[in-house]
Amino acid sequence: RDKLTLRYTGGMVPDVTQILIKGSGVFATPTASRFKVKLRVCFECGPLAHMITCAGGRALDEQGRPYDDVVVCTMDQRSGIVLGSADAVEKLRTALTTDKAKPSKL
């Protein structure tokens, strides 16, 4: 079994940098109707998703679709995101979509 640790700095950039340095891990920001998502597609999510996929990882939107497929409608558009090493992102996606009768949002 893999030894997993929790890292939370409160910032996307330091957490994603750690994933790139270690070559493993996942960053996820949850979505729910009761609170506003803070990360913007054009300025945070999109660029880091592109960087992670170029490094061989995966990035998904809150619906579980590849982040490269996100269509930007406004400059201030916000989105949930899951990104990291390909295997870690797949494990999280599988866990979130198979634990319940219907798939949940990522």
PDB file of N, CA and C in Angstrom:
ATOM      1  N   ARG A   1       0.841  -1.179   0.000  1.00  0.00           N
ATOM      2  CA  ARG A   1       0.000   0.000   0.000  1.00  0.00           C
ATOM      3  C   ARG A   1       0.889   1.246   0.000  1.00  0.00           C
ATOM      4  N   ASP A   2       0.480   2.231  -0.802  1.00  0.00           N
ATOM      5  CA  ASP A   2       1.252   3.475  -0.897  1.00  0.00           C
ATOM      6  C   ASP A   2       1.145   4.276   0.396  1.00  0.00           C
ATOM      7  N   LYS A   3       2.257   4.883   0.782  1.00  0.00           N
ATOM      8  CA  LYS A   3       2.246   5.779   1.929  1.00  0.00           C
ATOM      9  C   LYS A   3       1.782   7.144   1.436  1.00  0.00           C
ATOM     10  N   LEU A   4       0.651   7.612   1.969  1.00  0.00           N
ATOM     11  CA  LEU A   4       0.092   8.886   1.556  1.00  0.00           C
ATOM     12  C   LEU A   4       0.207   9.892   2.684  1.00  0.00           C
ATOM     13  N   THR A   5       0.406  11.141   2.321  1.00  0.00           N
ATOM     14  CA  THR A   5       0.455  12.223   3.297  1.00  0.00           C
ATOM     15  C   THR A   5      -0.477  13.334   2.828  1.00  0.00           C
ATOM     16  N   LEU A   6      -0.901  14.164   3.744  1.00  0.00           N
ATOM     17  CA  LEU A   6      -1.764  15.294   3.424  1.00  0.00           C
ATOM     18  C   LEU A   6      -0.934  16.566   3.483  1.00  0.00           C
ATOM     19  N   ARG A   7      -1.051  17.359   2.442  1.00  0.00           N
ATOM     20  CA  ARG A   7      -0.372  18.651   2.401  1.00  0.00           C
ATOM     21  C   ARG A   7      -1.425  19.690   2.054  1.00  0.00           C
ATOM     22  N   TYR A   8      -1.482  20.752   2.835  1.00  0.00           N
ATOM     23  CA  TYR A   8      -2.394  21.846   2.553  1.00  0.00           C
ATOM     24  C   TYR A   8      -1.715  23.143   2.951  1.00  0.00           C
ATOM     25  N   THR A   9      -1.420  23.974   1.973  1.00  0.00           N
ATOM     26  CA  THR A   9      -0.787  25.260   2.259  1.00  0.00           C
ATOM     27  C   THR A   9      -1.776  26.411   2.154  1.00  0.00           C
ATOM     28  N   GLY A  10      -2.937  26.144   1.582  1.00  0.00           N
ATOM     29  CA  GLY A  10      -3.892  27.211   1.361  1.00  0.00           C
ATOM     30  C   GLY A  10      -3.692  27.879   0.014  1.00  0.00           C
ATOM     31  N   GLY A  11      -2.726  27.411  -0.747  1.00  0.00           N
ATOM     32  CA  GLY A  11      -2.454  27.980  -2.061  1.00  0.00           C
ATOM     33  C   GLY A  11      -2.288  26.895  -3.108  1.00  0.00           C
ATOM     34  N   MET A  12      -2.831  27.139  -4.275  1.00  0.00           N
ATOM     35  CA  MET A  12      -2.744  26.156  -5.353  1.00  0.00           C
ATOM     36  C   MET A  12      -1.314  26.022  -5.873  1.00  0.00           C
ATOM     37  N   VAL A  13      -0.622  27.128  -6.074  1.00  0.00           N
ATOM     38  CA  VAL A  13       0.713  27.091  -6.678  1.00  0.00           C
ATOM     39  C   VAL A  13       1.713  26.291  -5.842  1.00  0.00           C
ATOM     40  N   PRO A  14       1.818  26.514  -4.523  1.00  0.00           N
ATOM     41  CA  PRO A  14       2.778  25.704  -3.765  1.00  0.00           C
ATOM     42  C   PRO A  14       2.422  24.219  -3.743  1.00  0.00           C
ATOM     43  N   ASP A  15       1.128  23.910  -3.683  1.00  0.00           N
ATOM     44  CA  ASP A  15       0.721  22.500  -3.669  1.00  0.00           C
ATOM     45  C   ASP A  15       1.012  21.818  -5.012  1.00  0.00           C
ATOM     46  N   VAL A  16       0.753  22.503  -6.108  1.00  0.00           N
ATOM     47  CA  VAL A  16       1.029  21.934  -7.433  1.00  0.00           C
ATOM     48  C   VAL A  16       2.532  21.834  -7.666  1.00  0.00           C
ATOM     49  N   THR A  17       3.288  22.809  -7.178  1.00  0.00           N
ATOM     50  CA  THR A  17       4.745  22.740  -7.282  1.00  0.00           C
ATOM     51  C   THR A  17       5.268  21.498  -6.570  1.00  0.00           C
ATOM     52  N   GLN A  18       4.731  21.197  -5.413  1.00  0.00           N
ATOM     53  CA  GLN A  18       5.133  20.005  -4.673  1.00  0.00           C
ATOM     54  C   GLN A  18       4.815  18.733  -5.467  1.00  0.00           C
ATOM     55  N   ILE A  19       3.690  18.699  -6.141  1.00  0.00           N
ATOM     56  CA  ILE A  19       3.327  17.543  -6.981  1.00  0.00           C
ATOM     57  C   ILE A  19       4.354  17.384  -8.101  1.00  0.00           C
ATOM     58  N   LEU A  20       4.733  18.492  -8.734  1.00  0.00           N
ATOM     59  CA  LEU A  20       5.719  18.429  -9.812  1.00  0.00           C
ATOM     60  C   LEU A  20       7.084  17.969  -9.307  1.00  0.00           C
ATOM     61  N   ILE A  21       7.487  18.447  -8.145  1.00  0.00           N
ATOM     62  CA  ILE A  21       8.786  18.067  -7.580  1.00  0.00           C
ATOM     63  C   ILE A  21       8.809  16.587  -7.205  1.00  0.00           C
ATOM     64  N   LYS A  22       7.756  16.119  -6.546  1.00  0.00           N
ATOM     65  CA  LYS A  22       7.699  14.722  -6.100  1.00  0.00           C
ATOM     66  C   LYS A  22       7.342  13.759  -7.228  1.00  0.00           C
ATOM     67  N   GLY A  23       6.675  14.264  -8.264  1.00  0.00           N
ATOM     68  CA  GLY A  23       6.243  13.412  -9.370  1.00  0.00           C
ATOM     69  C   GLY A  23       5.020  12.586  -9.042  1.00  0.00           C
ATOM     70  N   SER A  24       4.342  12.935  -7.963  1.00  0.00           N
ATOM     71  CA  SER A  24       3.177  12.176  -7.533  1.00  0.00           C
ATOM     72  C   SER A  24       2.310  13.059  -6.649  1.00  0.00           C
ATOM     73  N   GLY A  25       1.033  12.784  -6.659  1.00  0.00           N
ATOM     74  CA  GLY A  25       0.116  13.508  -5.785  1.00  0.00           C
ATOM     75  C   GLY A  25      -1.069  14.057  -6.548  1.00  0.00           C
ATOM     76  N   VAL A  26      -1.995  14.633  -5.804  1.00  0.00           N
ATOM     77  CA  VAL A  26      -3.204  15.183  -6.404  1.00  0.00           C
ATOM     78  C   VAL A  26      -3.590  16.460  -5.668  1.00  0.00           C
ATOM     79  N   PHE A  27      -4.079  17.442  -6.426  1.00  0.00           N
ATOM     80  CA  PHE A  27      -4.635  18.674  -5.884  1.00  0.00           C
ATOM     81  C   PHE A  27      -6.093  18.703  -6.305  1.00  0.00           C
ATOM     82  N   ALA A  28      -6.975  18.936  -5.368  1.00  0.00           N
ATOM     83  CA  ALA A  28      -8.397  18.997  -5.692  1.00  0.00           C
ATOM     84  C   ALA A  28      -9.043  20.153  -4.947  1.00  0.00           C
ATOM     85  N   THR A  29      -9.896  20.850  -5.625  1.00  0.00           N
ATOM     86  CA  THR A  29     -10.702  21.867  -4.974  1.00  0.00           C
ATOM     87  C   THR A  29     -12.162  21.465  -5.171  1.00  0.00           C
ATOM     88  N   PRO A  30     -12.887  21.302  -4.088  1.00  0.00           N
ATOM     89  CA  PRO A  30     -14.261  20.797  -4.171  1.00  0.00           C
ATOM     90  C   PRO A  30     -15.227  21.849  -4.693  1.00  0.00           C
ATOM     91  N   THR A  31     -16.346  21.377  -5.175  1.00  0.00           N
ATOM     92  CA  THR A  31     -17.414  22.273  -5.597  1.00  0.00           C
ATOM     93  C   THR A  31     -18.684  21.869  -4.870  1.00  0.00           C
ATOM     94  N   ALA A  32     -19.477  22.844  -4.523  1.00  0.00           N
ATOM     95  CA  ALA A  32     -20.770  22.606  -3.891  1.00  0.00           C
ATOM     96  C   ALA A  32     -21.628  23.847  -4.114  1.00  0.00           C
ATOM     97  N   SER A  33     -22.924  23.656  -4.097  1.00  0.00           N
ATOM     98  CA  SER A  33     -23.822  24.780  -4.356  1.00  0.00           C
ATOM     99  C   SER A  33     -23.825  25.799  -3.223  1.00  0.00           C
ATOM    100  N   ARG A  34     -23.375  25.415  -2.034  1.00  0.00           N
ATOM    101  CA  ARG A  34     -23.446  26.326  -0.886  1.00  0.00           C
ATOM    102  C   ARG A  34     -22.267  27.279  -0.751  1.00  0.00           C
ATOM    103  N   PHE A  35     -21.191  27.090  -1.527  1.00  0.00           N
ATOM    104  CA  PHE A  35     -20.092  28.055  -1.469  1.00  0.00           C
ATOM    105  C   PHE A  35     -19.533  28.309  -2.861  1.00  0.00           C
ATOM    106  N   LYS A  36     -18.983  29.513  -3.022  1.00  0.00           N
ATOM    107  CA  LYS A  36     -18.478  29.949  -4.316  1.00  0.00           C
ATOM    108  C   LYS A  36     -17.061  29.410  -4.547  1.00  0.00           C
ATOM    109  N   VAL A  37     -16.842  28.856  -5.720  1.00  0.00           N
ATOM    110  CA  VAL A  37     -15.504  28.385  -6.094  1.00  0.00           C
ATOM    111  C   VAL A  37     -14.634  29.614  -6.342  1.00  0.00           C
ATOM    112  N   LYS A  38     -13.403  29.588  -5.833  1.00  0.00           N
ATOM    113  CA  LYS A  38     -12.544  30.763  -5.915  1.00  0.00           C
ATOM    114  C   LYS A  38     -11.572  30.747  -7.090  1.00  0.00           C
ATOM    115  N   LEU A  39     -11.199  29.572  -7.576  1.00  0.00           N
ATOM    116  CA  LEU A  39     -10.161  29.488  -8.610  1.00  0.00           C
ATOM    117  C   LEU A  39     -10.708  29.866  -9.981  1.00  0.00           C
ATOM    118  N   ARG A  40      -9.998  30.757 -10.660  1.00  0.00           N
ATOM    119  CA  ARG A  40     -10.425  31.233 -11.974  1.00  0.00           C
ATOM    120  C   ARG A  40      -9.798  30.381 -13.079  1.00  0.00           C
ATOM    121  N   VAL A  41     -10.580  30.132 -14.111  1.00  0.00           N
ATOM    122  CA  VAL A  41     -10.141  29.279 -15.221  1.00  0.00           C
ATOM    123  C   VAL A  41      -8.960  29.903 -15.961  1.00  0.00           C
ATOM    124  N   CYS A  42      -9.056  31.164 -16.310  1.00  0.00           N
ATOM    125  CA  CYS A  42      -8.009  31.814 -17.132  1.00  0.00           C
ATOM    126  C   CYS A  42      -6.700  32.046 -16.398  1.00  0.00           C
ATOM    127  N   PHE A  43      -6.757  32.223 -15.095  1.00  0.00           N
ATOM    128  CA  PHE A  43      -5.566  32.671 -14.377  1.00  0.00           C
ATOM    129  C   PHE A  43      -4.945  31.625 -13.460  1.00  0.00           C
ATOM    130  N   GLU A  44      -5.721  30.701 -12.932  1.00  0.00           N
ATOM    131  CA  GLU A  44      -5.160  29.675 -12.056  1.00  0.00           C
ATOM    132  C   GLU A  44      -5.329  28.275 -12.647  1.00  0.00           C
ATOM    133  N   CYS A  45      -6.560  27.874 -12.849  1.00  0.00           N
ATOM    134  CA  CYS A  45      -6.834  26.486 -13.252  1.00  0.00           C
ATOM    135  C   CYS A  45      -6.280  26.135 -14.626  1.00  0.00           C
ATOM    136  N   GLY A  46      -6.567  26.933 -15.620  1.00  0.00           N
ATOM    137  CA  GLY A  46      -6.136  26.643 -16.982  1.00  0.00           C
ATOM    138  C   GLY A  46      -4.627  26.523 -17.147  1.00  0.00           C
ATOM    139  N   PRO A  47      -3.865  27.529 -16.714  1.00  0.00           N
ATOM    140  CA  PRO A  47      -2.413  27.445 -16.872  1.00  0.00           C
ATOM    141  C   PRO A  47      -1.782  26.275 -16.117  1.00  0.00           C
ATOM    142  N   LEU A  48      -2.206  26.035 -14.875  1.00  0.00           N
ATOM    143  CA  LEU A  48      -1.621  24.930 -14.114  1.00  0.00           C
ATOM    144  C   LEU A  48      -2.080  23.573 -14.646  1.00  0.00           C
ATOM    145  N   ALA A  49      -3.304  23.490 -15.131  1.00  0.00           N
ATOM    146  CA  ALA A  49      -3.773  22.244 -15.754  1.00  0.00           C
ATOM    147  C   ALA A  49      -2.937  21.938 -16.994  1.00  0.00           C
ATOM    148  N   HIS A  50      -2.647  22.953 -17.786  1.00  0.00           N
ATOM    149  CA  HIS A  50      -1.825  22.768 -18.980  1.00  0.00           C
ATOM    150  C   HIS A  50      -0.412  22.314 -18.600  1.00  0.00           C
ATOM    151  N   MET A  51       0.159  22.936 -17.588  1.00  0.00           N
ATOM    152  CA  MET A  51       1.502  22.586 -17.143  1.00  0.00           C
ATOM    153  C   MET A  51       1.540  21.131 -16.649  1.00  0.00           C
ATOM    154  N   ILE A  52       0.560  20.734 -15.879  1.00  0.00           N
ATOM    155  CA  ILE A  52       0.515  19.360 -15.352  1.00  0.00           C
ATOM    156  C   ILE A  52       0.354  18.343 -16.479  1.00  0.00           C
ATOM    157  N   THR A  53      -0.525  18.623 -17.447  1.00  0.00           N
ATOM    158  CA  THR A  53      -0.715  17.666 -18.549  1.00  0.00           C
ATOM    159  C   THR A  53       0.535  17.593 -19.426  1.00  0.00           C
ATOM    160  N   CYS A  54       1.235  18.708 -19.608  1.00  0.00           N
ATOM    161  CA  CYS A  54       2.495  18.682 -20.364  1.00  0.00           C
ATOM    162  C   CYS A  54       3.561  17.858 -19.645  1.00  0.00           C
ATOM    163  N   ALA A  55       3.471  17.784 -18.324  1.00  0.00           N
ATOM    164  CA  ALA A  55       4.431  17.007 -17.533  1.00  0.00           C
ATOM    165  C   ALA A  55       4.019  15.534 -17.420  1.00  0.00           C
ATOM    166  N   GLY A  56       2.916  15.148 -18.074  1.00  0.00           N
ATOM    167  CA  GLY A  56       2.489  13.753 -18.054  1.00  0.00           C
ATOM    168  C   GLY A  56       1.386  13.438 -17.067  1.00  0.00           C
ATOM    169  N   GLY A  57       0.861  14.450 -16.388  1.00  0.00           N
ATOM    170  CA  GLY A  57      -0.219  14.240 -15.428  1.00  0.00           C
ATOM    171  C   GLY A  57      -1.581  14.401 -16.065  1.00  0.00           C
ATOM    172  N   ARG A  58      -2.603  14.487 -15.226  1.00  0.00           N
ATOM    173  CA  ARG A  58      -3.978  14.666 -15.693  1.00  0.00           C
ATOM    174  C   ARG A  58      -4.623  15.820 -14.953  1.00  0.00           C
ATOM    175  N   ALA A  59      -5.560  16.472 -15.619  1.00  0.00           N
ATOM    176  CA  ALA A  59      -6.341  17.544 -15.010  1.00  0.00           C
ATOM    177  C   ALA A  59      -7.791  17.367 -15.449  1.00  0.00           C
ATOM    178  N   LEU A  60      -8.704  17.394 -14.474  1.00  0.00           N
ATOM    179  CA  LEU A  60     -10.130  17.215 -14.744  1.00  0.00           C
ATOM    180  C   LEU A  60     -10.914  18.383 -14.172  1.00  0.00           C
ATOM    181  N   ASP A  61     -12.044  18.705 -14.811  1.00  0.00           N
ATOM    182  CA  ASP A  61     -12.928  19.715 -14.243  1.00  0.00           C
ATOM    183  C   ASP A  61     -13.834  19.047 -13.207  1.00  0.00           C
ATOM    184  N   GLU A  62     -14.765  19.823 -12.637  1.00  0.00           N
ATOM    185  CA  GLU A  62     -15.610  19.276 -11.576  1.00  0.00           C
ATOM    186  C   GLU A  62     -16.583  18.200 -12.069  1.00  0.00           C
ATOM    187  N   GLN A  63     -16.750  18.080 -13.371  1.00  0.00           N
ATOM    188  CA  GLN A  63     -17.599  17.038 -13.939  1.00  0.00           C
ATOM    189  C   GLN A  63     -16.807  15.785 -14.318  1.00  0.00           C
ATOM    190  N   GLY A  64     -15.508  15.821 -14.133  1.00  0.00           N
ATOM    191  CA  GLY A  64     -14.666  14.670 -14.458  1.00  0.00           C
ATOM    192  C   GLY A  64     -14.182  14.647 -15.899  1.00  0.00           C
ATOM    193  N   ARG A  65     -14.370  15.748 -16.609  1.00  0.00           N
ATOM    194  CA  ARG A  65     -13.916  15.848 -18.003  1.00  0.00           C
ATOM    195  C   ARG A  65     -12.505  16.421 -18.044  1.00  0.00           C
ATOM    196  N   PRO A  66     -11.740  16.103 -19.097  1.00  0.00           N
ATOM    197  CA  PRO A  66     -10.390  16.677 -19.226  1.00  0.00           C
ATOM    198  C   PRO A  66     -10.451  18.206 -19.195  1.00  0.00           C
ATOM    199  N   TYR A  67      -9.549  18.829 -18.452  1.00  0.00           N
ATOM    200  CA  TYR A  67      -9.598  20.277 -18.280  1.00  0.00           C
ATOM    201  C   TYR A  67      -9.327  21.026 -19.575  1.00  0.00           C
ATOM    202  N   ASP A  68      -8.634  20.404 -20.499  1.00  0.00           N
ATOM    203  CA  ASP A  68      -8.385  21.041 -21.797  1.00  0.00           C
ATOM    204  C   ASP A  68      -9.675  21.296 -22.567  1.00  0.00           C
ATOM    205  N   ASP A  69     -10.758  20.608 -22.214  1.00  0.00           N
ATOM    206  CA  ASP A  69     -12.035  20.761 -22.901  1.00  0.00           C
ATOM    207  C   ASP A  69     -12.909  21.864 -22.320  1.00  0.00           C
ATOM    208  N   VAL A  70     -12.461  22.525 -21.258  1.00  0.00           N
ATOM    209  CA  VAL A  70     -13.244  23.603 -20.642  1.00  0.00           C
ATOM    210  C   VAL A  70     -13.329  24.778 -21.613  1.00  0.00           C
ATOM    211  N   VAL A  71     -14.543  25.246 -21.836  1.00  0.00           N
ATOM    212  CA  VAL A  71     -14.771  26.396 -22.709  1.00  0.00           C
ATOM    213  C   VAL A  71     -14.877  27.635 -21.829  1.00  0.00           C
ATOM    214  N   VAL A  72     -14.042  28.615 -22.101  1.00  0.00           N
ATOM    215  CA  VAL A  72     -14.038  29.855 -21.319  1.00  0.00           C
ATOM    216  C   VAL A  72     -15.081  30.794 -21.895  1.00  0.00           C
ATOM    217  N   CYS A  73     -16.026  31.210 -21.036  1.00  0.00           N
ATOM    218  CA  CYS A  73     -17.099  32.108 -21.471  1.00  0.00           C
ATOM    219  C   CYS A  73     -16.876  33.542 -20.999  1.00  0.00           C
ATOM    220  N   THR A  74     -16.259  33.689 -19.819  1.00  0.00           N
ATOM    221  CA  THR A  74     -15.967  35.019 -19.285  1.00  0.00           C
ATOM    222  C   THR A  74     -14.564  35.020 -18.676  1.00  0.00           C
ATOM    223  N   MET A  75     -13.960  36.198 -18.599  1.00  0.00           N
ATOM    224  CA  MET A  75     -12.615  36.310 -18.022  1.00  0.00           C
ATOM    225  C   MET A  75     -12.594  35.908 -16.548  1.00  0.00           C
ATOM    226  N   ASP A  76     -13.704  36.094 -15.854  1.00  0.00           N
ATOM    227  CA  ASP A  76     -13.772  35.812 -14.425  1.00  0.00           C
ATOM    228  C   ASP A  76     -14.421  34.444 -14.123  1.00  0.00           C
ATOM    229  N   GLN A  77     -14.551  33.604 -15.129  1.00  0.00           N
ATOM    230  CA  GLN A  77     -15.173  32.280 -14.941  1.00  0.00           C
ATOM    231  C   GLN A  77     -14.385  31.472 -13.918  1.00  0.00           C
ATOM    232  N   ARG A  78     -15.104  30.814 -13.032  1.00  0.00           N
ATOM    233  CA  ARG A  78     -14.470  30.028 -11.970  1.00  0.00           C
ATOM    234  C   ARG A  78     -14.852  28.567 -12.104  1.00  0.00           C
ATOM    235  N   SER A  79     -13.991  27.704 -11.554  1.00  0.00           N
ATOM    236  CA  SER A  79     -14.196  26.278 -11.764  1.00  0.00           C
ATOM    237  C   SER A  79     -13.514  25.466 -10.674  1.00  0.00           C
ATOM    238  N   GLY A  80     -14.069  24.296 -10.405  1.00  0.00           N
ATOM    239  CA  GLY A  80     -13.393  23.322  -9.574  1.00  0.00           C
ATOM    240  C   GLY A  80     -12.395  22.570 -10.447  1.00  0.00           C
ATOM    241  N   ILE A  81     -11.406  21.945  -9.819  1.00  0.00           N
ATOM    242  CA  ILE A  81     -10.385  21.243 -10.589  1.00  0.00           C
ATOM    243  C   ILE A  81      -9.787  20.111  -9.757  1.00  0.00           C
ATOM    244  N   VAL A  82      -9.407  19.058 -10.448  1.00  0.00           N
ATOM    245  CA  VAL A  82      -8.619  17.971  -9.863  1.00  0.00           C
ATOM    246  C   VAL A  82      -7.437  17.786 -10.797  1.00  0.00           C
ATOM    247  N   LEU A  83      -6.227  17.897 -10.270  1.00  0.00           N
ATOM    248  CA  LEU A  83      -5.055  17.708 -11.116  1.00  0.00           C
ATOM    249  C   LEU A  83      -3.937  17.057 -10.328  1.00  0.00           C
ATOM    250  N   GLY A  84      -3.028  16.436 -11.048  1.00  0.00           N
ATOM    251  CA  GLY A  84      -1.893  15.788 -10.412  1.00  0.00           C
ATOM    252  C   GLY A  84      -1.332  14.683 -11.278  1.00  0.00           C
ATOM    253  N   SER A  85      -0.629  13.752 -10.641  1.00  0.00           N
ATOM    254  CA  SER A  85      -0.084  12.625 -11.394  1.00  0.00           C
ATOM    255  C   SER A  85      -1.248  11.801 -11.944  1.00  0.00           C
ATOM    256  N   ALA A  86      -1.041  11.219 -13.116  1.00  0.00           N
ATOM    257  CA  ALA A  86      -2.128  10.515 -13.806  1.00  0.00           C
ATOM    258  C   ALA A  86      -2.734   9.415 -12.941  1.00  0.00           C
ATOM    259  N   ASP A  87      -1.902   8.642 -12.260  1.00  0.00           N
ATOM    260  CA  ASP A  87      -2.439   7.542 -11.454  1.00  0.00           C
ATOM    261  C   ASP A  87      -3.206   8.044 -10.231  1.00  0.00           C
ATOM    262  N   ALA A  88      -2.728   9.097  -9.580  1.00  0.00           N
ATOM    263  CA  ALA A  88      -3.418   9.633  -8.403  1.00  0.00           C
ATOM    264  C   ALA A  88      -4.763  10.247  -8.779  1.00  0.00           C
ATOM    265  N   VAL A  89      -4.807  10.963  -9.895  1.00  0.00           N
ATOM    266  CA  VAL A  89      -6.063  11.564 -10.351  1.00  0.00           C
ATOM    267  C   VAL A  89      -7.062  10.466 -10.717  1.00  0.00           C
ATOM    268  N   GLU A  90      -6.603   9.434 -11.368  1.00  0.00           N
ATOM    269  CA  GLU A  90      -7.496   8.327 -11.740  1.00  0.00           C
ATOM    270  C   GLU A  90      -8.036   7.615 -10.504  1.00  0.00           C
ATOM    271  N   LYS A  91      -7.197   7.394  -9.499  1.00  0.00           N
ATOM    272  CA  LYS A  91      -7.661   6.762  -8.253  1.00  0.00           C
ATOM    273  C   LYS A  91      -8.738   7.605  -7.589  1.00  0.00           C
ATOM    274  N   LEU A  92      -8.536   8.919  -7.531  1.00  0.00           N
ATOM    275  CA  LEU A  92      -9.526   9.805  -6.921  1.00  0.00           C
ATOM    276  C   LEU A  92     -10.810   9.819  -7.733  1.00  0.00           C
ATOM    277  N   ARG A  93     -10.705   9.924  -9.052  1.00  0.00           N
ATOM    278  CA  ARG A  93     -11.888   9.929  -9.910  1.00  0.00           C
ATOM    279  C   ARG A  93     -12.685   8.646  -9.732  1.00  0.00           C
ATOM    280  N   THR A  94     -12.008   7.517  -9.710  1.00  0.00           N
ATOM    281  CA  THR A  94     -12.671   6.223  -9.545  1.00  0.00           C
ATOM    282  C   THR A  94     -13.359   6.142  -8.184  1.00  0.00           C
ATOM    283  N   ALA A  95     -12.675   6.569  -7.136  1.00  0.00           N
ATOM    284  CA  ALA A  95     -13.253   6.527  -5.797  1.00  0.00           C
ATOM    285  C   ALA A  95     -14.499   7.399  -5.686  1.00  0.00           C
ATOM    286  N   LEU A  96     -14.471   8.566  -6.303  1.00  0.00           N
ATOM    287  CA  LEU A  96     -15.614   9.476  -6.214  1.00  0.00           C
ATOM    288  C   LEU A  96     -16.791   9.044  -7.063  1.00  0.00           C
ATOM    289  N   THR A  97     -16.545   8.322  -8.128  1.00  0.00           N
ATOM    290  CA  THR A  97     -17.648   7.950  -9.020  1.00  0.00           C
ATOM    291  C   THR A  97     -18.188   6.546  -8.766  1.00  0.00           C
ATOM    292  N   THR A  98     -17.482   5.712  -8.007  1.00  0.00           N
ATOM    293  CA  THR A  98     -17.978   4.346  -7.780  1.00  0.00           C
ATOM    294  C   THR A  98     -18.493   4.116  -6.371  1.00  0.00           C
ATOM    295  N   ASP A  99     -18.273   5.037  -5.444  1.00  0.00           N
ATOM    296  CA  ASP A  99     -18.734   4.837  -4.069  1.00  0.00           C
ATOM    297  C   ASP A  99     -20.231   5.046  -3.902  1.00  0.00           C
ATOM    298  N   LYS A 100     -20.859   5.670  -4.836  1.00  0.00           N
ATOM    299  CA  LYS A 100     -22.279   5.957  -4.727  1.00  0.00           C
ATOM    300  C   LYS A 100     -23.018   5.384  -5.928  1.00  0.00           C
ATOM    301  N   ALA A 101     -24.316   5.310  -5.823  1.00  0.00           N
ATOM    302  CA  ALA A 101     -25.131   4.779  -6.915  1.00  0.00           C
ATOM    303  C   ALA A 101     -25.024   5.655  -8.165  1.00  0.00           C
ATOM    304  N   LYS A 102     -25.018   6.967  -7.974  1.00  0.00           N
ATOM    305  CA  LYS A 102     -24.861   7.864  -9.114  1.00  0.00           C
ATOM    306  C   LYS A 102     -23.536   8.608  -8.992  1.00  0.00           C
ATOM    307  N   PRO A 103     -22.892   8.934 -10.099  1.00  0.00           N
ATOM    308  CA  PRO A 103     -21.615   9.653 -10.040  1.00  0.00           C
ATOM    309  C   PRO A 103     -21.769  11.007  -9.360  1.00  0.00           C
ATOM    310  N   SER A 104     -20.797  11.361  -8.559  1.00  0.00           N
ATOM    311  CA  SER A 104     -20.828  12.658  -7.896  1.00  0.00           C
ATOM    312  C   SER A 104     -19.926  13.633  -8.633  1.00  0.00           C
ATOM    313  N   LYS A 105     -20.107  14.903  -8.322  1.00  0.00           N
ATOM    314  CA  LYS A 105     -19.199  15.906  -8.879  1.00  0.00           C
ATOM    315  C   LYS A 105     -17.847  15.741  -8.237  1.00  0.00           C
ATOM    316  N   LEU A 106     -16.798  16.008  -9.004  1.00  0.00           N
ATOM    317  CA  LEU A 106     -15.441  15.927  -8.456  1.00  0.00           C
ATOM    318  C   LEU A 106     -15.123  17.115  -7.648  1.00  0.00           C
TER     319      LEU A 106
END
